[in-house]
Amino acid sequence: MKKKAFSVVYDAHLRHKSGARGTAPTATCTTLSFLSPRNSFLQSAFHSAASHAYSTRSKSRNCHPEIVRSGSRRLRSDIDSTSNLDEALGFYKQMVRMKPLPSVVHFTLLLGRIVKMKQYLVVISLYRDMAELGCIPLDEYMLNAVINCYCFLGRVDFGFSILGGFFKRGIVPDTATFNTLLKGLFREHKIHEAQGLFKKIIYEKLCIPNEITYGTVIDGLSKAGNTSMAIQVLRFMEKGGRCRPHTAAYNTLIGGLCKDKMMDQALSL
């Protein structure tokens, strides 16, 4: 039977709710639960809950033509006002049934709302569902959001698998893509890999690095105790980089040097 992401979304949501009622949530709440087999009971539960959630906006299942007629601005407003996961899942269900489908911008906005709820597994599962449906064009903003979720979950390796999806779809990863991957590598203390990616960005021109790129590297190296390498990155910015070092970069380095009792070097900055 073809696997869907719907059951997995609601599975994670049910586990989250059970934890809120005092029942200890299982490990699948914080791992990649979408790898589990399809569960028909949970799929049914998802549809039931999603329909109920969307009824707070409309009492009729036939409400979506009205939403379509109201135009893109109304749809964006509805997405922006989505305040909880039940409502977001119900809204997603309605959106995939609309004819014509909303644009990828609207789906990305909805995923962004769910990201703000810190429901990273849900975002990943909905992304997988959209990719499986095949009728919703995916863009770099949505893929960047998914990479960001993987990084928050401590699975930057899966984030790199999404990077491969960029090339398969003919989408060019942008600076934000690589900034997110760099942050994910440093967050997981993969310093060597982060340095390697940064060198590729510079020498193979994978993207145009910006202040966030350099700031992420300087901050990550400083926190890892590699202040000498962080200073080299700062000097590179000063001499030949496309962007000048900002105050935060100096503050980060000074803090790291002071922590290492390297006061002379801190004063020389």
Protein backbone atom coordinates (compact mmCIF):
# COMPACT_ATOMS: atom_id res chain seq x y z
CA MET A 1 0.00 0.00 0.00
CA LYS A 2 1.37 3.40 -0.93
CA LYS A 3 2.77 5.22 2.08
CA LYS A 4 1.38 8.66 2.94
CA ALA A 5 2.65 11.27 5.36
CA PHE A 6 -0.80 12.12 6.75
CA SER A 7 -0.78 9.32 9.33
CA VAL A 8 2.69 10.28 10.47
CA VAL A 9 1.71 13.91 11.01
CA TYR A 10 -1.16 12.98 13.22
CA ASP A 11 0.91 10.30 14.95
CA ALA A 12 3.41 12.93 16.08
CA HIS A 13 0.57 15.25 17.07
CA LEU A 14 -1.21 12.56 19.11
CA ARG A 15 2.00 11.76 20.93
CA HIS A 16 2.56 15.45 21.66
CA LYS A 17 -0.95 15.74 23.12
CA SER A 18 -0.56 12.60 25.21
CA GLY A 19 2.64 14.06 26.63
CA ALA A 20 0.79 17.27 27.51
CA ARG A 21 -1.79 15.25 29.49
CA GLY A 22 0.94 13.74 31.63
CA THR A 23 1.72 10.59 29.66
CA ALA A 24 5.38 10.30 28.86
CA PRO A 25 5.84 10.74 25.11
CA THR A 26 7.72 8.00 23.31
CA ALA A 27 11.05 8.46 21.59
CA THR A 28 9.41 8.75 18.19
CA CYS A 29 8.30 12.25 19.14
CA THR A 30 11.86 13.44 18.78
CA THR A 31 13.11 11.07 16.08
CA LEU A 32 12.24 10.72 12.42
CA SER A 33 8.91 9.03 12.96
CA PHE A 34 7.89 9.40 9.31
CA LEU A 35 10.04 6.35 8.58
CA SER A 36 7.50 4.16 10.36
CA PRO A 37 4.89 2.10 8.40
CA ARG A 38 1.55 3.58 7.49
CA ASN A 39 -1.14 3.22 10.14
CA SER A 40 -4.67 3.29 8.73
CA PHE A 41 -6.22 4.11 12.11
CA LEU A 42 -4.04 7.19 12.50
CA GLN A 43 -4.79 8.27 8.94
CA SER A 44 -8.49 8.10 9.74
CA ALA A 45 -7.91 10.02 12.95
CA PHE A 46 -6.01 12.70 11.03
CA HIS A 47 -8.87 13.28 8.61
CA SER A 48 -11.36 13.45 11.47
CA ALA A 49 -9.32 15.92 13.49
CA ALA A 50 -8.42 18.02 10.46
CA SER A 51 -12.05 18.35 9.42
CA HIS A 52 -13.02 19.32 12.95
CA ALA A 53 -10.21 21.86 13.19
CA TYR A 54 -11.17 23.59 10.00
CA SER A 55 -14.79 23.81 11.12
CA THR A 56 -13.72 26.68 13.37
CA ARG A 57 -13.45 28.68 10.16
CA SER A 58 -16.41 27.17 8.35
CA LYS A 59 -19.23 24.78 9.16
CA SER A 60 -19.30 23.35 5.67
CA ARG A 61 -16.85 21.16 3.76
CA ASN A 62 -17.79 23.11 0.66
CA CYS A 63 -16.21 26.28 2.00
CA HIS A 64 -13.08 26.08 -0.09
CA PRO A 65 -14.57 27.54 -3.32
CA GLU A 66 -15.39 30.66 -1.32
CA ILE A 67 -11.79 30.83 -0.13
CA VAL A 68 -10.58 30.48 -3.72
CA ARG A 69 -12.87 33.30 -4.86
CA SER A 70 -11.70 35.55 -2.07
CA GLY A 71 -8.30 35.66 -3.75
CA SER A 72 -4.69 35.36 -2.81
CA ARG A 73 -4.78 38.17 -0.26
CA ARG A 74 -7.57 36.54 1.76
CA LEU A 75 -5.81 33.19 1.62
CA ARG A 76 -2.59 34.72 2.89
CA SER A 77 -4.52 36.43 5.69
CA ASP A 78 -6.12 33.11 6.69
CA ILE A 79 -2.71 31.43 6.79
CA ASP A 80 -1.20 34.26 8.84
CA SER A 81 -3.98 33.91 11.42
CA THR A 82 -3.45 30.16 11.87
CA SER A 83 -2.63 29.82 15.56
CA ASN A 84 -2.41 26.12 16.43
CA LEU A 85 -1.41 22.81 14.90
CA ASP A 86 -4.91 21.35 14.60
CA GLU A 87 -5.99 24.39 12.62
CA ALA A 88 -2.88 24.30 10.44
CA LEU A 89 -3.39 20.62 9.57
CA GLY A 90 -7.03 21.24 8.76
CA PHE A 91 -6.10 24.18 6.59
CA TYR A 92 -3.50 22.07 4.75
CA LYS A 93 -6.12 19.43 4.02
CA GLN A 94 -8.42 22.05 2.52
CA MET A 95 -5.63 23.63 0.47
CA VAL A 96 -4.63 20.40 -1.27
CA ARG A 97 -8.29 19.93 -2.31
CA MET A 98 -8.65 23.37 -3.88
CA LYS A 99 -8.99 23.69 -7.64
CA PRO A 100 -6.88 25.36 -8.78
CA LEU A 101 -4.32 24.65 -6.11
CA PRO A 102 -2.89 27.59 -4.17
CA SER A 103 0.61 28.64 -5.20
CA VAL A 104 3.74 27.22 -3.61
CA VAL A 105 4.06 30.58 -1.82
CA HIS A 106 0.92 29.84 0.18
CA PHE A 107 2.06 26.34 1.09
CA THR A 108 5.44 27.73 2.14
CA LEU A 109 3.72 30.34 4.30
CA LEU A 110 1.70 27.61 6.00
CA LEU A 111 4.83 25.56 6.67
CA GLY A 112 6.42 28.71 8.07
CA ARG A 113 3.58 29.04 10.57
CA ILE A 114 4.12 25.45 11.68
CA VAL A 115 7.87 26.07 11.99
CA LYS A 116 7.08 28.92 14.40
CA MET A 117 5.12 26.40 16.47
CA LYS A 118 8.36 24.37 16.61
CA GLN A 119 6.58 21.38 15.07
CA TYR A 120 9.55 20.44 12.92
CA LEU A 121 8.55 16.81 12.31
CA VAL A 122 5.16 17.96 11.08
CA VAL A 123 6.77 20.32 8.55
CA ILE A 124 8.96 17.50 7.24
CA SER A 125 6.01 15.12 6.96
CA LEU A 126 3.87 17.66 5.10
CA TYR A 127 6.77 18.37 2.75
CA ARG A 128 7.04 14.65 2.01
CA ASP A 129 3.31 14.52 1.36
CA MET A 130 3.50 17.44 -1.09
CA ALA A 131 6.46 15.86 -2.87
CA GLU A 132 4.51 12.60 -3.16
CA LEU A 133 1.42 14.34 -4.51
CA GLY A 134 3.61 15.76 -7.27
CA CYS A 135 1.19 18.54 -8.20
CA ILE A 136 2.63 21.23 -5.92
CA PRO A 137 5.80 22.83 -7.34
CA LEU A 138 8.48 23.06 -4.66
CA ASP A 139 10.82 26.05 -4.53
CA GLU A 140 14.02 27.01 -2.70
CA TYR A 141 12.12 28.70 0.14
CA MET A 142 10.21 25.55 1.01
CA LEU A 143 13.29 23.35 0.70
CA ASN A 144 15.26 25.76 2.90
CA ALA A 145 12.52 25.52 5.53
CA VAL A 146 12.76 21.72 5.48
CA ILE A 147 16.56 21.83 5.82
CA ASN A 148 16.14 24.20 8.75
CA CYS A 149 13.78 21.73 10.44
CA TYR A 150 16.21 18.86 10.02
CA CYS A 151 18.95 21.00 11.54
CA PHE A 152 16.75 21.87 14.53
CA LEU A 153 16.16 18.13 14.99
CA GLY A 154 19.89 17.48 15.02
CA ARG A 155 19.86 15.72 11.64
CA VAL A 156 21.93 17.95 9.41
CA ASP A 157 22.83 14.81 7.42
CA PHE A 158 19.21 14.63 6.27
CA GLY A 159 19.44 18.34 5.50
CA PHE A 160 22.19 17.54 3.01
CA SER A 161 19.89 14.96 1.39
CA ILE A 162 17.43 17.79 0.75
CA LEU A 163 20.30 19.74 -0.82
CA GLY A 164 20.55 16.89 -3.32
CA GLY A 165 16.86 17.43 -4.02
CA PHE A 166 17.65 20.97 -5.15
CA PHE A 167 19.75 19.68 -8.01
CA LYS A 168 17.29 16.92 -8.94
CA ARG A 169 14.57 19.54 -9.33
CA GLY A 170 16.80 22.00 -11.17
CA ILE A 171 16.66 24.49 -8.28
CA VAL A 172 19.79 26.46 -7.43
CA PRO A 173 20.51 26.52 -3.67
CA ASP A 174 21.02 30.05 -2.40
CA THR A 175 23.09 31.63 0.35
CA ALA A 176 20.37 30.95 2.92
CA THR A 177 20.61 27.22 2.10
CA PHE A 178 24.30 27.02 2.92
CA ASN A 179 24.01 29.33 5.93
CA THR A 180 21.44 26.94 7.40
CA LEU A 181 23.66 23.91 6.74
CA LEU A 182 26.66 25.66 8.32
CA LYS A 183 24.62 26.46 11.43
CA GLY A 184 23.44 22.86 11.58
CA LEU A 185 26.98 21.49 11.36
CA PHE A 186 28.27 23.80 14.09
CA ARG A 187 25.24 23.05 16.27
CA GLU A 188 26.09 19.34 16.05
CA HIS A 189 29.78 20.11 16.78
CA LYS A 190 30.84 18.90 13.34
CA ILE A 191 33.56 21.52 13.12
CA HIS A 192 35.71 19.80 10.50
CA GLU A 193 32.72 19.32 8.18
CA ALA A 194 31.65 22.94 8.69
CA GLN A 195 35.14 24.16 7.79
CA GLY A 196 35.11 21.97 4.70
CA LEU A 197 31.76 23.34 3.57
CA PHE A 198 32.89 26.92 4.16
CA LYS A 199 36.00 26.35 2.03
CA LYS A 200 33.84 24.94 -0.76
CA ILE A 201 31.56 27.98 -0.55
CA ILE A 202 34.58 30.28 -0.95
CA TYR A 203 36.74 28.42 -3.46
CA GLU A 204 34.11 26.59 -5.50
CA LYS A 205 31.73 29.56 -5.40
CA LEU A 206 28.73 27.51 -4.27
CA CYS A 207 27.02 30.77 -3.31
CA ILE A 208 27.83 34.38 -2.51
CA PRO A 209 28.64 34.45 1.23
CA ASN A 210 27.09 37.27 3.23
CA GLU A 211 27.51 38.64 6.75
CA ILE A 212 25.45 35.78 8.15
CA THR A 213 27.75 33.23 6.48
CA TYR A 214 30.91 34.73 7.94
CA GLY A 215 29.25 35.44 11.28
CA THR A 216 28.10 31.83 11.56
CA VAL A 217 31.60 30.52 10.88
CA ILE A 218 33.29 32.98 13.26
CA ASP A 219 30.78 32.22 16.00
CA GLY A 220 31.01 28.45 15.49
CA LEU A 221 34.81 28.39 15.48
CA SER A 222 35.02 30.65 18.53
CA LYS A 223 32.60 28.49 20.53
CA ALA A 224 34.61 25.42 19.52
CA GLY A 225 37.76 27.04 20.95
CA ASN A 226 39.35 27.55 17.53
CA THR A 227 39.78 31.31 17.86
CA SER A 228 42.93 31.40 15.70
CA MET A 229 40.97 30.09 12.72
CA ALA A 230 38.12 32.47 13.51
CA ILE A 231 40.59 35.38 13.40
CA GLN A 232 41.77 34.20 9.96
CA VAL A 233 38.18 34.32 8.72
CA LEU A 234 37.82 37.83 10.14
CA ARG A 235 41.04 38.99 8.44
CA PHE A 236 39.86 37.47 5.17
CA MET A 237 36.69 39.55 5.45
CA GLU A 238 38.73 42.68 6.15
CA LYS A 239 41.10 42.21 3.22
CA GLY A 240 39.22 40.61 0.40
CA GLY A 241 35.76 39.54 1.40
CA ARG A 242 32.64 40.85 -0.28
CA CYS A 243 31.28 42.13 3.03
CA ARG A 244 32.90 43.91 5.92
CA PRO A 245 32.97 42.42 9.43
CA HIS A 246 30.14 43.68 11.60
CA THR A 247 30.24 44.52 15.29
CA ALA A 248 28.79 41.16 16.32
CA ALA A 249 31.72 39.34 14.67
CA TYR A 250 34.26 41.36 16.65
CA ASN A 251 32.27 40.91 19.86
CA THR A 252 32.12 37.15 19.35
CA LEU A 253 35.86 36.92 18.79
CA ILE A 254 36.74 39.19 21.70
CA GLY A 255 34.54 37.09 23.97
CA GLY A 256 36.24 33.90 22.81
CA LEU A 257 39.73 35.33 23.25
CA CYS A 258 38.95 36.63 26.72
CA LYS A 259 37.57 33.23 27.67
CA ASP A 260 40.86 31.68 26.54
CA LYS A 261 42.78 34.34 28.52
CA MET A 262 44.29 35.77 25.32
CA MET A 263 43.90 39.39 26.32
CA ASP A 264 46.63 40.80 24.05
CA GLN A 265 45.01 39.32 20.95
CA ALA A 266 41.61 40.59 22.09
CA LEU A 267 42.98 44.13 22.48
CA SER A 268 44.64 43.96 19.04
CA LEU A 269 41.29 43.47 17.34
